[in-house]
C-alpha atoms as a PDB file:
ATOM      1  CA  MET A   1     -42.612  66.633 -23.568  1.00  0.00           C
ATOM      2  CA  THR A   2     -43.004  63.028 -24.690  1.00  0.00           C
ATOM      3  CA  LEU A   3     -41.312  60.281 -22.744  1.00  0.00           C
ATOM      4  CA  THR A   4     -40.076  57.203 -24.536  1.00  0.00           C
ATOM      5  CA  ARG A   5     -41.502  53.792 -23.724  1.00  0.00           C
ATOM      6  CA  ASP A   6     -38.057  52.754 -22.436  1.00  0.00           C
ATOM      7  CA  PHE A   7     -38.072  55.621 -19.943  1.00  0.00           C
ATOM      8  CA  LYS A   8     -41.604  54.799 -18.792  1.00  0.00           C
ATOM      9  CA  GLN A   9     -40.640  51.133 -18.362  1.00  0.00           C
ATOM     10  CA  THR A  10     -37.560  52.206 -16.389  1.00  0.00           C
ATOM     11  CA  VAL A  11     -39.806  54.211 -14.045  1.00  0.00           C
ATOM     12  CA  VAL A  12     -42.113  51.199 -13.567  1.00  0.00           C
ATOM     13  CA  GLU A  13     -39.193  48.888 -12.814  1.00  0.00           C
ATOM     14  CA  ARG A  14     -37.584  51.366 -10.410  1.00  0.00           C
ATOM     15  CA  VAL A  15     -40.854  51.908  -8.514  1.00  0.00           C
ATOM     16  CA  LYS A  16     -41.348  48.146  -8.152  1.00  0.00           C
ATOM     17  CA  ARG A  17     -37.913  47.616  -6.610  1.00  0.00           C
ATOM     18  CA  ASP A  18     -37.623  50.902  -4.684  1.00  0.00           C
ATOM     19  CA  PRO A  19     -40.743  52.065  -2.788  1.00  0.00           C
ATOM     20  CA  ASP A  20     -38.913  55.235  -1.710  1.00  0.00           C
ATOM     21  CA  PHE A  21     -38.630  56.219  -5.376  1.00  0.00           C
ATOM     22  CA  ALA A  22     -42.415  56.044  -5.713  1.00  0.00           C
ATOM     23  CA  LYS A  23     -42.800  58.252  -2.640  1.00  0.00           C
ATOM     24  CA  ALA A  24     -40.259  60.703  -4.073  1.00  0.00           C
ATOM     25  CA  LEU A  25     -42.205  60.881  -7.345  1.00  0.00           C
ATOM     26  CA  LEU A  26     -45.428  61.626  -5.466  1.00  0.00           C
ATOM     27  CA  ASP A  27     -43.642  64.306  -3.453  1.00  0.00           C
ATOM     28  CA  GLU A  28     -42.218  65.826  -6.626  1.00  0.00           C
ATOM     29  CA  ALA A  29     -45.601  65.827  -8.387  1.00  0.00           C
ATOM     30  CA  ALA A  30     -47.247  67.562  -5.417  1.00  0.00           C
ATOM     31  CA  THR A  31     -44.404  70.068  -5.093  1.00  0.00           C
ATOM     32  CA  LEU A  32     -44.497  70.902  -8.805  1.00  0.00           C
ATOM     33  CA  PHE A  33     -48.258  71.336  -8.740  1.00  0.00           C
ATOM     34  CA  LEU A  34     -48.178  73.608  -5.698  1.00  0.00           C
ATOM     35  CA  SER A  35     -45.266  75.551  -7.218  1.00  0.00           C
ATOM     36  CA  GLY A  36     -47.230  76.441 -10.332  1.00  0.00           C
ATOM     37  CA  GLU A  37     -45.962  73.737 -12.702  1.00  0.00           C
ATOM     38  CA  PRO A  38     -49.082  71.616 -13.280  1.00  0.00           C
ATOM     39  CA  ASP A  39     -47.941  70.266 -16.669  1.00  0.00           C
ATOM     40  CA  ALA A  40     -44.851  68.583 -15.215  1.00  0.00           C
ATOM     41  CA  ALA A  41     -46.822  67.455 -12.156  1.00  0.00           C
ATOM     42  CA  ARG A  42     -49.434  65.716 -14.333  1.00  0.00           C
ATOM     43  CA  LEU A  43     -46.812  63.815 -16.333  1.00  0.00           C
ATOM     44  CA  ILE A  44     -45.028  62.585 -13.221  1.00  0.00           C
ATOM     45  CA  LEU A  45     -48.352  61.631 -11.661  1.00  0.00           C
ATOM     46  CA  ARG A  46     -49.305  59.744 -14.835  1.00  0.00           C
ATOM     47  CA  ASP A  47     -46.073  57.705 -14.749  1.00  0.00           C
ATOM     48  CA  LEU A  48     -46.577  57.063 -11.044  1.00  0.00           C
ATOM     49  CA  VAL A  49     -50.145  55.833 -11.601  1.00  0.00           C
ATOM     50  CA  ASN A  50     -48.911  53.503 -14.353  1.00  0.00           C
ATOM     51  CA  ALA A  51     -46.182  52.161 -12.062  1.00  0.00           C
ATOM     52  CA  THR A  52     -48.371  51.687  -8.990  1.00  0.00           C
ATOM     53  CA  VAL A  53     -52.155  51.597  -8.775  1.00  0.00           C
ATOM     54  CA  GLY A  54     -52.817  51.478 -12.537  1.00  0.00           C
ATOM     55  CA  PHE A  55     -55.549  53.369 -14.349  1.00  0.00           C
ATOM     56  CA  GLU A  56     -58.215  50.656 -14.030  1.00  0.00           C
ATOM     57  CA  SER A  57     -57.848  50.491 -10.238  1.00  0.00           C
ATOM     58  CA  LEU A  58     -57.589  54.277 -10.061  1.00  0.00           C
ATOM     59  CA  ALA A  59     -60.906  54.459 -11.923  1.00  0.00           C
ATOM     60  CA  GLU A  60     -62.539  52.256  -9.283  1.00  0.00           C
ATOM     61  CA  LEU A  61     -61.000  54.225  -6.404  1.00  0.00           C
ATOM     62  CA  THR A  62     -61.972  57.642  -7.785  1.00  0.00           C
ATOM     63  CA  HIS A  63     -65.290  56.614  -9.399  1.00  0.00           C
ATOM     64  CA  LYS A  64     -64.090  58.157 -12.677  1.00  0.00           C
ATOM     65  CA  PRO A  65     -63.807  56.411 -16.060  1.00  0.00           C
ATOM     66  CA  SER A  66     -60.305  55.172 -16.858  1.00  0.00           C
ATOM     67  CA  LYS A  67     -60.285  57.016 -20.200  1.00  0.00           C
ATOM     68  CA  SER A  68     -61.164  60.264 -18.448  1.00  0.00           C
ATOM     69  CA  LEU A  69     -58.318  59.760 -15.993  1.00  0.00           C
ATOM     70  CA  HIS A  70     -55.920  59.120 -18.888  1.00  0.00           C
ATOM     71  CA  ARG A  71     -57.048  62.386 -20.510  1.00  0.00           C
ATOM     72  CA  MET A  72     -56.756  64.300 -17.231  1.00  0.00           C
ATOM     73  CA  LEU A  73     -53.141  63.224 -16.800  1.00  0.00           C
ATOM     74  CA  SER A  74     -52.175  63.657 -20.442  1.00  0.00           C
ATOM     75  CA  PRO A  75     -49.821  66.463 -21.546  1.00  0.00           C
ATOM     76  CA  LYS A  76     -52.822  68.620 -22.482  1.00  0.00           C
ATOM     77  CA  GLY A  77     -55.036  67.393 -19.628  1.00  0.00           C
ATOM     78  CA  ASN A  78     -56.846  69.823 -17.386  1.00  0.00           C
ATOM     79  CA  PRO A  79     -58.263  67.978 -14.365  1.00  0.00           C
ATOM     80  CA  SER A  80     -60.489  69.876 -11.975  1.00  0.00           C
ATOM     81  CA  MET A  81     -59.226  70.462  -8.451  1.00  0.00           C
ATOM     82  CA  ASP A  82     -61.672  67.816  -7.202  1.00  0.00           C
ATOM     83  CA  ASN A  83     -60.399  65.244  -9.693  1.00  0.00           C
ATOM     84  CA  LEU A  84     -56.758  66.065  -8.995  1.00  0.00           C
ATOM     85  CA  ALA A  85     -57.373  65.783  -5.258  1.00  0.00           C
ATOM     86  CA  ALA A  86     -59.021  62.394  -5.814  1.00  0.00           C
ATOM     87  CA  ILE A  87     -56.059  61.185  -7.909  1.00  0.00           C
ATOM     88  CA  PHE A  88     -53.478  62.398  -5.390  1.00  0.00           C
ATOM     89  CA  GLY A  89     -55.532  60.865  -2.576  1.00  0.00           C
ATOM     90  CA  ALA A  90     -55.821  57.482  -4.267  1.00  0.00           C
ATOM     91  CA  VAL A  91     -52.094  57.309  -5.018  1.00  0.00           C
ATOM     92  CA  ARG A  92     -51.250  58.526  -1.510  1.00  0.00           C
ATOM     93  CA  ASN A  93     -53.455  55.814   0.002  1.00  0.00           C
ATOM     94  CA  TRP A  94     -52.008  53.185  -2.348  1.00  0.00           C
ATOM     95  CA  LEU A  95     -48.483  54.101  -1.207  1.00  0.00           C
ATOM     96  CA  LYS A  96     -49.659  54.322   2.429  1.00  0.00           C
ATOM     97  CA  VAL A  97     -48.203  57.791   2.945  1.00  0.00           C
ATOM     98  CA  THR A  98     -49.472  61.193   3.991  1.00  0.00           C
ATOM     99  CA  PHE A  99     -48.525  64.695   2.922  1.00  0.00           C
ATOM    100  CA  ASP A 100     -46.603  67.052   5.178  1.00  0.00           C
ATOM    101  CA  VAL A 101     -46.779  70.411   3.400  1.00  0.00           C
ATOM    102  CA  ARG A 102     -44.692  73.323   4.627  1.00  0.00           C
ATOM    103  CA  VAL A 103     -44.463  76.911   3.512  1.00  0.00           C
ATOM    104  CA  VAL A 104     -40.872  78.121   3.339  1.00  0.00           C
ATOM    105  CA  GLU A 105     -39.928  81.802   3.188  1.00  0.00           C
ATOM    106  CA  ILE A 106     -37.837  82.782   0.170  1.00  0.00           C
ATOM    107  CA  ALA A 107     -34.460  84.195   1.167  1.00  0.00           C
ATOM    108  CA  GLY A 108     -33.616  87.639  -0.074  1.00  0.00           C
END
């Protein structure tokens, strides 16, 4: 799945004018990851990083090279659990939010 530059710019603009949208993207990325869809989670997280903290600042916050972070969040990226936790943590701190994870029983 490749997103167009126009779509990515739309995400950046929406995040800048609507902080709740950024929080919703973080929630969606975490939910997708925990639901077994890491590919989609990485792409959303990548767009969110671009629209908020940026990869250079993320590199400073996580003590990881910017290029490595770009690769980790690429369509074929495969970040370790430690790196993914560091990325989620940095974005969460940047947005000044916390996670409230719940397990919900499947009906049926």
